[in-house]
Amino acid sequence: MDIIKKRRSVREYLDKPVEDEKIEQIVEAARLAPSSCNSQCWRFVVTKGDIKEQIIKKGLGGIVLANRWAKSAPAIIVACADLNFLTHKVGAGIKGIEYHLLDIGIAVEHLILRATELGLGTCWIGWFNEREVRKILKIPRSIKIVALITLGYPKGELELHEKQRLDLKKILFWNKYGNCEG
């Protein structure tokens, strides 16, 4: 619970590279996440230096200019899903559930929590130009880019104020929707 409460979306980073060993540790945490039918559809591309700058210029340019703060992050992790899994195709067709999005969501949350534990900051970016990012990183069409995750050492102390969240009684129901009595 301490790491969950400590995690924040960081939008300003120190000018200090993130050690490759720490990046491997956080991706290892993502690798250990559960997935539908153990498909493990996640793929991660870590970008630094010139490639990261291209992602910011072309992938976060234009209409998504608001995310230009990402420039201060020493690394951006591109979280992708391999769409070649039959279980994902069947699930989407029959149940209308995009299982690859659930799988990536769990894996990225593992990644983000491990990064927090290691003293790193992250921010999940969902608004980006997928076509440009795909082109820069040479990602095949069978791979869906789901999110960009900025990664680095936070600049300054993170405020550990109470997060604005709905009261538990508004989201937890017992035996039927709307029943707050356990």
N, C-alpha and C. Protein backbone atom coordinates (compact mmCIF):
# COMPACT_ATOMS: atom_id res chain seq x y z
N MET A 1 0.82 -1.20 0.00
CA MET A 1 0.00 0.00 0.00
C MET A 1 0.86 1.26 0.00
N ASP A 2 2.03 1.19 0.63
CA ASP A 2 2.90 2.38 0.67
C ASP A 2 3.32 2.81 -0.73
N ILE A 3 3.71 1.87 -1.57
CA ILE A 3 4.13 2.21 -2.93
C ILE A 3 2.94 2.73 -3.73
N ILE A 4 1.77 2.12 -3.57
CA ILE A 4 0.58 2.58 -4.29
C ILE A 4 0.25 4.01 -3.89
N LYS A 5 0.34 4.32 -2.61
CA LYS A 5 0.05 5.67 -2.14
C LYS A 5 1.13 6.67 -2.56
N LYS A 6 2.35 6.19 -2.73
CA LYS A 6 3.46 7.07 -3.08
C LYS A 6 3.49 7.40 -4.58
N ARG A 7 2.98 6.53 -5.43
CA ARG A 7 3.05 6.71 -6.87
C ARG A 7 2.35 7.99 -7.32
N ARG A 8 3.02 8.76 -8.15
CA ARG A 8 2.49 10.00 -8.72
C ARG A 8 2.82 10.05 -10.20
N SER A 9 2.04 10.80 -10.96
CA SER A 9 2.39 11.09 -12.35
C SER A 9 3.41 12.21 -12.33
N VAL A 10 4.61 11.91 -12.79
CA VAL A 10 5.72 12.86 -12.76
C VAL A 10 5.85 13.51 -14.13
N ARG A 11 5.91 14.84 -14.13
CA ARG A 11 6.03 15.58 -15.39
C ARG A 11 7.24 16.51 -15.44
N GLU A 12 8.14 16.31 -14.50
CA GLU A 12 9.39 17.07 -14.50
C GLU A 12 10.48 16.19 -13.90
N TYR A 13 11.56 16.02 -14.67
CA TYR A 13 12.60 15.07 -14.30
C TYR A 13 13.97 15.74 -14.19
N LEU A 14 14.82 15.13 -13.39
CA LEU A 14 16.22 15.56 -13.30
C LEU A 14 16.94 15.21 -14.60
N ASP A 15 17.97 15.96 -14.92
CA ASP A 15 18.80 15.67 -16.07
C ASP A 15 19.83 14.62 -15.66
N LYS A 16 19.33 13.41 -15.44
CA LYS A 16 20.15 12.30 -14.96
C LYS A 16 19.66 11.03 -15.64
N PRO A 17 20.53 10.31 -16.33
CA PRO A 17 20.08 9.09 -17.01
C PRO A 17 19.63 8.02 -16.03
N VAL A 18 18.72 7.20 -16.50
CA VAL A 18 18.26 6.05 -15.71
C VAL A 18 19.15 4.86 -16.08
N GLU A 19 19.67 4.21 -15.07
CA GLU A 19 20.55 3.07 -15.27
C GLU A 19 19.82 1.93 -15.98
N ASP A 20 20.50 1.31 -16.95
CA ASP A 20 19.91 0.20 -17.70
C ASP A 20 19.47 -0.92 -16.77
N GLU A 21 20.22 -1.16 -15.68
CA GLU A 21 19.85 -2.22 -14.73
C GLU A 21 18.49 -1.94 -14.10
N LYS A 22 18.22 -0.67 -13.80
CA LYS A 22 16.90 -0.33 -13.22
C LYS A 22 15.80 -0.49 -14.26
N ILE A 23 16.08 -0.13 -15.50
CA ILE A 23 15.09 -0.32 -16.56
C ILE A 23 14.77 -1.80 -16.72
N GLU A 24 15.80 -2.63 -16.68
CA GLU A 24 15.58 -4.07 -16.78
C GLU A 24 14.76 -4.58 -15.60
N GLN A 25 14.98 -4.05 -14.42
CA GLN A 25 14.20 -4.47 -13.25
C GLN A 25 12.73 -4.10 -13.39
N ILE A 26 12.45 -2.91 -13.90
CA ILE A 26 11.04 -2.52 -14.00
C ILE A 26 10.34 -3.28 -15.13
N VAL A 27 11.05 -3.57 -16.21
CA VAL A 27 10.44 -4.37 -17.27
C VAL A 27 10.28 -5.82 -16.80
N GLU A 28 11.19 -6.30 -15.95
CA GLU A 28 11.03 -7.63 -15.36
C GLU A 28 9.75 -7.69 -14.53
N ALA A 29 9.44 -6.63 -13.80
CA ALA A 29 8.19 -6.59 -13.02
C ALA A 29 6.99 -6.70 -13.96
N ALA A 30 7.06 -6.01 -15.10
CA ALA A 30 5.97 -6.09 -16.08
C ALA A 30 5.87 -7.50 -16.66
N ARG A 31 7.01 -8.11 -16.90
CA ARG A 31 7.04 -9.47 -17.47
C ARG A 31 6.35 -10.49 -16.57
N LEU A 32 6.36 -10.23 -15.27
CA LEU A 32 5.76 -11.16 -14.31
C LEU A 32 4.25 -10.98 -14.14
N ALA A 33 3.68 -10.01 -14.84
CA ALA A 33 2.24 -9.75 -14.72
C ALA A 33 1.43 -10.92 -15.30
N PRO A 34 0.21 -11.11 -14.79
CA PRO A 34 -0.66 -12.11 -15.40
C PRO A 34 -1.19 -11.61 -16.73
N SER A 35 -1.62 -12.54 -17.59
CA SER A 35 -2.23 -12.16 -18.86
C SER A 35 -3.27 -13.20 -19.26
N SER A 36 -4.18 -12.79 -20.13
CA SER A 36 -5.24 -13.71 -20.55
C SER A 36 -4.63 -14.91 -21.26
N CYS A 37 -5.00 -16.10 -20.79
CA CYS A 37 -4.48 -17.37 -21.31
C CYS A 37 -2.96 -17.40 -21.34
N ASN A 38 -2.33 -16.66 -20.45
CA ASN A 38 -0.87 -16.57 -20.36
C ASN A 38 -0.24 -16.17 -21.71
N SER A 39 -0.94 -15.31 -22.44
CA SER A 39 -0.47 -14.92 -23.78
C SER A 39 0.77 -14.03 -23.73
N GLN A 40 0.94 -13.27 -22.65
CA GLN A 40 2.10 -12.40 -22.49
C GLN A 40 2.33 -11.56 -23.75
N CYS A 41 1.31 -10.83 -24.15
CA CYS A 41 1.34 -10.08 -25.40
C CYS A 41 2.20 -8.82 -25.34
N TRP A 42 2.64 -8.43 -24.16
CA TRP A 42 3.34 -7.17 -24.01
C TRP A 42 4.72 -7.18 -24.65
N ARG A 43 5.06 -6.01 -25.20
CA ARG A 43 6.38 -5.76 -25.76
C ARG A 43 6.73 -4.33 -25.35
N PHE A 44 7.99 -4.09 -25.01
CA PHE A 44 8.40 -2.76 -24.55
C PHE A 44 9.62 -2.29 -25.34
N VAL A 45 9.54 -1.07 -25.83
CA VAL A 45 10.67 -0.45 -26.53
C VAL A 45 11.12 0.73 -25.67
N VAL A 46 12.35 0.66 -25.17
CA VAL A 46 12.90 1.75 -24.37
C VAL A 46 13.61 2.71 -25.31
N THR A 47 13.24 3.98 -25.23
CA THR A 47 13.87 4.99 -26.09
C THR A 47 14.61 6.00 -25.23
N LYS A 48 15.80 6.35 -25.71
CA LYS A 48 16.63 7.35 -25.06
C LYS A 48 17.26 8.21 -26.16
N GLY A 49 17.91 9.29 -25.78
CA GLY A 49 18.70 10.10 -26.71
C GLY A 49 17.93 10.58 -27.92
N ASP A 50 18.56 10.45 -29.10
CA ASP A 50 17.99 10.98 -30.34
C ASP A 50 16.65 10.34 -30.69
N ILE A 51 16.52 9.04 -30.46
CA ILE A 51 15.26 8.35 -30.77
C ILE A 51 14.14 8.91 -29.89
N LYS A 52 14.43 9.10 -28.60
CA LYS A 52 13.44 9.69 -27.69
C LYS A 52 13.05 11.08 -28.18
N GLU A 53 14.03 11.86 -28.62
CA GLU A 53 13.75 13.21 -29.11
C GLU A 53 12.86 13.17 -30.34
N GLN A 54 13.06 12.19 -31.22
CA GLN A 54 12.18 12.04 -32.39
C GLN A 54 10.76 11.70 -31.97
N ILE A 55 10.64 10.83 -30.96
CA ILE A 55 9.31 10.47 -30.44
C ILE A 55 8.61 11.72 -29.94
N ILE A 56 9.33 12.56 -29.21
CA ILE A 56 8.74 13.79 -28.67
C ILE A 56 8.37 14.75 -29.79
N LYS A 57 9.27 14.91 -30.74
CA LYS A 57 9.03 15.87 -31.82
C LYS A 57 7.89 15.44 -32.73
N LYS A 58 7.90 14.18 -33.14
CA LYS A 58 6.91 13.71 -34.12
C LYS A 58 5.72 12.99 -33.48
N GLY A 59 5.98 12.25 -32.41
CA GLY A 59 4.91 11.48 -31.78
C GLY A 59 4.08 12.29 -30.80
N LEU A 60 4.67 13.37 -30.28
CA LEU A 60 3.94 14.23 -29.34
C LEU A 60 3.78 15.64 -29.89
N GLY A 61 4.05 15.82 -31.16
CA GLY A 61 3.90 17.13 -31.79
C GLY A 61 2.46 17.34 -32.25
N GLY A 62 2.23 18.42 -32.95
CA GLY A 62 0.91 18.71 -33.51
C GLY A 62 -0.15 18.84 -32.44
N ILE A 63 -1.24 18.12 -32.61
CA ILE A 63 -2.39 18.23 -31.71
C ILE A 63 -2.09 17.74 -30.29
N VAL A 64 -1.08 16.90 -30.14
CA VAL A 64 -0.76 16.38 -28.81
C VAL A 64 0.40 17.16 -28.17
N LEU A 65 0.57 18.39 -28.60
CA LEU A 65 1.64 19.26 -28.12
C LEU A 65 1.64 19.43 -26.60
N ALA A 66 0.50 19.25 -25.97
CA ALA A 66 0.40 19.42 -24.51
C ALA A 66 1.33 18.47 -23.75
N ASN A 67 1.72 17.38 -24.36
CA ASN A 67 2.60 16.42 -23.69
C ASN A 67 4.08 16.69 -23.92
N ARG A 68 4.42 17.89 -24.40
CA ARG A 68 5.82 18.22 -24.68
C ARG A 68 6.68 18.25 -23.41
N TRP A 69 6.06 18.32 -22.24
CA TRP A 69 6.81 18.26 -20.98
C TRP A 69 7.64 16.98 -20.91
N ALA A 70 7.25 15.97 -21.68
CA ALA A 70 7.95 14.67 -21.66
C ALA A 70 9.42 14.82 -22.07
N LYS A 71 9.77 15.93 -22.68
CA LYS A 71 11.15 16.16 -23.11
C LYS A 71 12.15 16.06 -21.95
N SER A 72 11.70 16.41 -20.74
CA SER A 72 12.61 16.36 -19.60
C SER A 72 12.90 14.93 -19.12
N ALA A 73 12.11 13.96 -19.56
CA ALA A 73 12.33 12.57 -19.14
C ALA A 73 13.53 11.98 -19.87
N PRO A 74 14.45 11.35 -19.15
CA PRO A 74 15.61 10.73 -19.81
C PRO A 74 15.25 9.54 -20.70
N ALA A 75 14.10 8.93 -20.45
CA ALA A 75 13.69 7.76 -21.25
C ALA A 75 12.18 7.75 -21.42
N ILE A 76 11.75 7.17 -22.52
CA ILE A 76 10.33 6.90 -22.73
C ILE A 76 10.21 5.43 -23.10
N ILE A 77 9.35 4.74 -22.39
CA ILE A 77 9.09 3.33 -22.69
C ILE A 77 7.81 3.26 -23.51
N VAL A 78 7.90 2.62 -24.65
CA VAL A 78 6.75 2.45 -25.53
C VAL A 78 6.17 1.07 -25.25
N ALA A 79 4.96 1.06 -24.70
CA ALA A 79 4.30 -0.19 -24.33
C ALA A 79 3.42 -0.65 -25.49
N CYS A 80 3.67 -1.86 -25.95
CA CYS A 80 2.98 -2.39 -27.13
C CYS A 80 2.33 -3.73 -26.81
N ALA A 81 1.38 -4.09 -27.66
CA ALA A 81 0.73 -5.40 -27.54
C ALA A 81 0.83 -6.13 -28.87
N ASP A 82 1.28 -7.36 -28.80
CA ASP A 82 1.33 -8.23 -29.99
C ASP A 82 -0.10 -8.72 -30.21
N LEU A 83 -0.67 -8.40 -31.36
CA LEU A 83 -2.07 -8.74 -31.64
C LEU A 83 -2.23 -10.09 -32.34
N ASN A 84 -1.19 -10.86 -32.41
CA ASN A 84 -1.23 -12.15 -33.12
C ASN A 84 -1.78 -13.30 -32.30
N PHE A 85 -2.27 -13.04 -31.10
CA PHE A 85 -2.74 -14.13 -30.25
C PHE A 85 -4.20 -14.46 -30.53
N LEU A 86 -4.48 -15.71 -30.79
CA LEU A 86 -5.83 -16.17 -31.11
C LEU A 86 -6.79 -15.85 -29.96
N THR A 87 -6.33 -16.01 -28.73
CA THR A 87 -7.22 -15.76 -27.58
C THR A 87 -7.70 -14.31 -27.57
N HIS A 88 -6.85 -13.39 -27.96
CA HIS A 88 -7.25 -11.98 -28.00
C HIS A 88 -8.25 -11.74 -29.12
N LYS A 89 -8.02 -12.34 -30.26
CA LYS A 89 -8.93 -12.16 -31.40
C LYS A 89 -10.30 -12.77 -31.10
N VAL A 90 -10.31 -13.98 -30.55
CA VAL A 90 -11.56 -14.65 -30.22
C VAL A 90 -12.30 -13.87 -29.13
N GLY A 91 -11.57 -13.48 -28.10
CA GLY A 91 -12.18 -12.72 -27.01
C GLY A 91 -12.80 -11.42 -27.48
N ALA A 92 -12.10 -10.70 -28.34
CA ALA A 92 -12.63 -9.44 -28.86
C ALA A 92 -13.86 -9.68 -29.72
N GLY A 93 -13.81 -10.75 -30.53
CA GLY A 93 -14.93 -11.05 -31.42
C GLY A 93 -16.16 -11.56 -30.70
N ILE A 94 -15.97 -12.47 -29.77
CA ILE A 94 -17.10 -13.10 -29.08
C ILE A 94 -17.60 -12.26 -27.91
N LYS A 95 -16.68 -11.83 -27.07
CA LYS A 95 -17.07 -11.14 -25.84
C LYS A 95 -17.04 -9.62 -25.96
N GLY A 96 -16.42 -9.10 -27.01
CA GLY A 96 -16.32 -7.65 -27.16
C GLY A 96 -15.33 -7.03 -26.18
N ILE A 97 -14.40 -7.82 -25.70
CA ILE A 97 -13.41 -7.35 -24.73
C ILE A 97 -12.04 -7.36 -25.40
N GLU A 98 -11.36 -6.25 -25.35
CA GLU A 98 -10.02 -6.14 -25.91
C GLU A 98 -9.01 -6.61 -24.86
N TYR A 99 -8.79 -7.92 -24.81
CA TYR A 99 -7.95 -8.51 -23.77
C TYR A 99 -6.52 -7.98 -23.78
N HIS A 100 -6.01 -7.61 -24.95
CA HIS A 100 -4.64 -7.08 -25.00
C HIS A 100 -4.53 -5.78 -24.20
N LEU A 101 -5.61 -4.99 -24.16
CA LEU A 101 -5.58 -3.76 -23.37
C LEU A 101 -5.57 -4.06 -21.87
N LEU A 102 -6.31 -5.08 -21.47
CA LEU A 102 -6.28 -5.49 -20.06
C LEU A 102 -4.88 -5.99 -19.68
N ASP A 103 -4.31 -6.81 -20.55
CA ASP A 103 -2.98 -7.38 -20.28
C ASP A 103 -1.92 -6.28 -20.18
N ILE A 104 -1.95 -5.34 -21.11
CA ILE A 104 -0.98 -4.25 -21.08
C ILE A 104 -1.21 -3.38 -19.85
N GLY A 105 -2.46 -3.14 -19.51
CA GLY A 105 -2.76 -2.33 -18.32
C GLY A 105 -2.16 -2.91 -17.05
N ILE A 106 -2.29 -4.22 -16.89
CA ILE A 106 -1.73 -4.88 -15.71
C ILE A 106 -0.20 -4.81 -15.75
N ALA A 107 0.38 -5.11 -16.90
CA ALA A 107 1.84 -5.13 -17.01
C ALA A 107 2.43 -3.73 -16.77
N VAL A 108 1.81 -2.72 -17.35
CA VAL A 108 2.33 -1.37 -17.17
C VAL A 108 2.17 -0.91 -15.72
N GLU A 109 1.10 -1.29 -15.08
CA GLU A 109 0.97 -0.93 -13.67
C GLU A 109 2.06 -1.59 -12.83
N HIS A 110 2.38 -2.85 -13.11
CA HIS A 110 3.51 -3.50 -12.44
C HIS A 110 4.79 -2.70 -12.67
N LEU A 111 5.02 -2.31 -13.92
CA LEU A 111 6.21 -1.54 -14.30
C LEU A 111 6.28 -0.23 -13.52
N ILE A 112 5.17 0.49 -13.48
CA ILE A 112 5.11 1.79 -12.82
C ILE A 112 5.33 1.66 -11.32
N LEU A 113 4.73 0.66 -10.70
CA LEU A 113 4.92 0.48 -9.26
C LEU A 113 6.35 0.09 -8.92
N ARG A 114 6.96 -0.74 -9.75
CA ARG A 114 8.36 -1.12 -9.51
C ARG A 114 9.27 0.10 -9.70
N ALA A 115 8.98 0.92 -10.69
CA ALA A 115 9.77 2.15 -10.90
C ALA A 115 9.67 3.05 -9.67
N THR A 116 8.48 3.18 -9.12
CA THR A 116 8.28 3.99 -7.92
C THR A 116 9.11 3.44 -6.77
N GLU A 117 9.08 2.12 -6.62
CA GLU A 117 9.84 1.46 -5.56
C GLU A 117 11.35 1.73 -5.69
N LEU A 118 11.82 1.89 -6.93
CA LEU A 118 13.24 2.14 -7.19
C LEU A 118 13.60 3.63 -7.16
N GLY A 119 12.64 4.47 -6.78
CA GLY A 119 12.91 5.90 -6.69
C GLY A 119 12.77 6.65 -8.00
N LEU A 120 12.16 6.02 -9.00
CA LEU A 120 11.96 6.64 -10.30
C LEU A 120 10.55 7.19 -10.43
N GLY A 121 10.39 8.15 -11.31
CA GLY A 121 9.08 8.70 -11.60
C GLY A 121 8.64 8.26 -12.98
N THR A 122 7.33 8.19 -13.16
CA THR A 122 6.74 7.81 -14.45
C THR A 122 5.50 8.64 -14.71
N CYS A 123 5.09 8.66 -15.96
CA CYS A 123 3.78 9.20 -16.31
C CYS A 123 3.29 8.44 -17.54
N TRP A 124 2.08 7.97 -17.47
CA TRP A 124 1.45 7.21 -18.54
C TRP A 124 0.87 8.21 -19.53
N ILE A 125 1.29 8.14 -20.78
CA ILE A 125 0.76 9.01 -21.83
C ILE A 125 -0.06 8.15 -22.79
N GLY A 126 -1.32 8.49 -22.92
CA GLY A 126 -2.19 7.76 -23.82
C GLY A 126 -2.53 8.53 -25.09
N TRP A 127 -2.15 9.81 -25.13
CA TRP A 127 -2.46 10.64 -26.29
C TRP A 127 -1.17 10.92 -27.04
N PHE A 128 -0.99 10.23 -28.16
CA PHE A 128 0.22 10.35 -28.96
C PHE A 128 -0.13 9.97 -30.40
N ASN A 129 0.77 10.26 -31.31
CA ASN A 129 0.58 9.94 -32.71
C ASN A 129 1.16 8.56 -32.98
N GLU A 130 0.30 7.57 -32.96
CA GLU A 130 0.75 6.18 -33.10
C GLU A 130 1.47 5.95 -34.42
N ARG A 131 0.96 6.51 -35.50
CA ARG A 131 1.56 6.31 -36.81
C ARG A 131 3.03 6.78 -36.84
N GLU A 132 3.27 7.95 -36.26
CA GLU A 132 4.64 8.49 -36.23
C GLU A 132 5.55 7.66 -35.33
N VAL A 133 5.06 7.27 -34.17
CA VAL A 133 5.87 6.45 -33.25
C VAL A 133 6.19 5.11 -33.91
N ARG A 134 5.21 4.52 -34.55
CA ARG A 134 5.40 3.24 -35.26
C ARG A 134 6.50 3.37 -36.32
N LYS A 135 6.45 4.45 -37.07
CA LYS A 135 7.42 4.68 -38.14
C LYS A 135 8.83 4.87 -37.57
N ILE A 136 8.96 5.68 -36.53
CA ILE A 136 10.27 5.95 -35.93
C ILE A 136 10.90 4.66 -35.39
N LEU A 137 10.10 3.84 -34.73
CA LEU A 137 10.62 2.64 -34.08
C LEU A 137 10.55 1.38 -34.95
N LYS A 138 10.03 1.53 -36.16
CA LYS A 138 9.92 0.40 -37.10
C LYS A 138 9.11 -0.76 -36.49
N ILE A 139 7.99 -0.41 -35.88
CA ILE A 139 7.13 -1.40 -35.24
C ILE A 139 6.17 -1.97 -36.28
N PRO A 140 6.10 -3.30 -36.40
CA PRO A 140 5.22 -3.92 -37.40
C PRO A 140 3.74 -3.63 -37.13
N ARG A 141 2.93 -3.75 -38.17
CA ARG A 141 1.49 -3.48 -38.08
C ARG A 141 0.78 -4.44 -37.13
N SER A 142 1.32 -5.62 -36.91
CA SER A 142 0.69 -6.59 -36.02
C SER A 142 0.88 -6.25 -34.54
N ILE A 143 1.62 -5.18 -34.28
CA ILE A 143 1.89 -4.74 -32.91
C ILE A 143 1.15 -3.42 -32.69
N LYS A 144 0.34 -3.37 -31.64
CA LYS A 144 -0.42 -2.17 -31.30
C LYS A 144 0.34 -1.38 -30.23
N ILE A 145 0.58 -0.10 -30.50
CA ILE A 145 1.20 0.76 -29.49
C ILE A 145 0.08 1.24 -28.57
N VAL A 146 0.18 0.92 -27.30
CA VAL A 146 -0.89 1.21 -26.35
C VAL A 146 -0.60 2.46 -25.53
N ALA A 147 0.65 2.66 -25.13
CA ALA A 147 0.97 3.79 -24.25
C ALA A 147 2.44 4.15 -24.35
N LEU A 148 2.73 5.38 -23.98
CA LEU A 148 4.10 5.83 -23.78
C LEU A 148 4.24 6.10 -22.29
N ILE A 149 5.34 5.65 -21.71
CA ILE A 149 5.58 5.85 -20.28
C ILE A 149 6.88 6.64 -20.14
N THR A 150 6.78 7.87 -19.60
CA THR A 150 8.01 8.61 -19.34
C THR A 150 8.66 8.01 -18.10
N LEU A 151 9.98 8.09 -18.07
CA LEU A 151 10.73 7.47 -16.98
C LEU A 151 11.95 8.31 -16.64
N GLY A 152 12.15 8.56 -15.35
CA GLY A 152 13.32 9.29 -14.91
C GLY A 152 13.27 9.55 -13.42
N TYR A 153 14.29 10.26 -12.96
CA TYR A 153 14.33 10.66 -11.56
C TYR A 153 13.52 11.95 -11.40
N PRO A 154 12.54 11.95 -10.51
CA PRO A 154 11.70 13.15 -10.35
C PRO A 154 12.53 14.36 -9.92
N LYS A 155 12.17 15.51 -10.47
CA LYS A 155 12.81 16.76 -10.07
C LYS A 155 12.07 17.29 -8.85
N GLY A 156 12.78 17.43 -7.75
CA GLY A 156 12.16 17.89 -6.51
C GLY A 156 11.43 16.78 -5.80
N GLU A 157 10.99 17.10 -4.60
CA GLU A 157 10.25 16.14 -3.78
C GLU A 157 8.82 16.01 -4.28
N LEU A 158 8.32 14.78 -4.33
CA LEU A 158 6.93 14.57 -4.71
C LEU A 158 6.03 14.84 -3.51
N GLU A 159 5.00 15.61 -3.73
CA GLU A 159 4.06 15.88 -2.66
C GLU A 159 3.23 14.63 -2.39
N LEU A 160 3.21 14.21 -1.14
CA LEU A 160 2.44 13.03 -0.78
C LEU A 160 1.14 13.44 -0.11
N HIS A 161 0.38 14.26 -0.81
CA HIS A 161 -0.91 14.69 -0.31
C HIS A 161 -1.96 13.61 -0.57
N GLU A 162 -3.06 13.72 0.11
CA GLU A 162 -4.16 12.77 -0.08
C GLU A 162 -4.67 12.88 -1.51
N LYS A 163 -4.74 11.75 -2.20
CA LYS A 163 -5.24 11.74 -3.57
C LYS A 163 -6.74 11.97 -3.58
N GLN A 164 -7.21 12.70 -4.57
CA GLN A 164 -8.63 12.93 -4.73
C GLN A 164 -9.26 11.69 -5.36
N ARG A 165 -9.92 10.90 -4.56
CA ARG A 165 -10.56 9.68 -5.04
C ARG A 165 -11.97 9.60 -4.48
N LEU A 166 -12.82 8.90 -5.19
CA LEU A 166 -14.18 8.68 -4.70
C LEU A 166 -14.13 7.91 -3.39
N ASP A 167 -15.09 8.15 -2.54
CA ASP A 167 -15.21 7.42 -1.29
C ASP A 167 -15.47 5.95 -1.60
N LEU A 168 -14.92 5.07 -0.79
CA LEU A 168 -15.07 3.63 -1.00
C LEU A 168 -16.54 3.23 -1.09
N LYS A 169 -17.43 3.88 -0.33
CA LYS A 169 -18.86 3.54 -0.35
C LYS A 169 -19.52 3.86 -1.69
N LYS A 170 -18.85 4.67 -2.52
CA LYS A 170 -19.40 4.99 -3.84
C LYS A 170 -18.96 4.01 -4.92
N ILE A 171 -17.96 3.17 -4.62
CA ILE A 171 -17.47 2.24 -5.64
C ILE A 171 -17.54 0.78 -5.23
N LEU A 172 -17.81 0.50 -3.96
CA LEU A 172 -17.86 -0.88 -3.46
C LEU A 172 -19.29 -1.26 -3.13
N PHE A 173 -19.76 -2.30 -3.81
CA PHE A 173 -21.12 -2.79 -3.56
C PHE A 173 -21.06 -4.27 -3.20
N TRP A 174 -22.04 -4.73 -2.45
CA TRP A 174 -22.08 -6.10 -1.98
C TRP A 174 -23.30 -6.83 -2.55
N ASN A 175 -23.06 -7.91 -3.26
CA ASN A 175 -24.06 -8.82 -3.80
C ASN A 175 -24.93 -8.26 -4.90
N LYS A 176 -25.09 -6.95 -5.02
CA LYS A 176 -25.79 -6.35 -6.15
C LYS A 176 -25.35 -4.88 -6.27
N TYR A 177 -25.43 -4.37 -7.47
CA TYR A 177 -25.01 -3.00 -7.72
C TYR A 177 -25.83 -2.04 -6.87
N GLY A 178 -25.14 -1.14 -6.20
CA GLY A 178 -25.82 -0.13 -5.38
C GLY A 178 -25.97 -0.51 -3.92
N ASN A 179 -25.74 -1.80 -3.56
CA ASN A 179 -25.88 -2.23 -2.18
C ASN A 179 -24.58 -1.99 -1.44
N CYS A 180 -24.57 -1.02 -0.53
CA CYS A 180 -23.36 -0.66 0.22
C CYS A 180 -23.21 -1.43 1.51
N GLU A 181 -24.16 -2.28 1.84
CA GLU A 181 -24.11 -3.05 3.08
C GLU A 181 -23.44 -4.41 2.82
N GLY A 182 -22.40 -4.73 3.62
CA GLY A 182 -21.66 -5.98 3.44
C GLY A 182 -22.31 -7.16 4.04
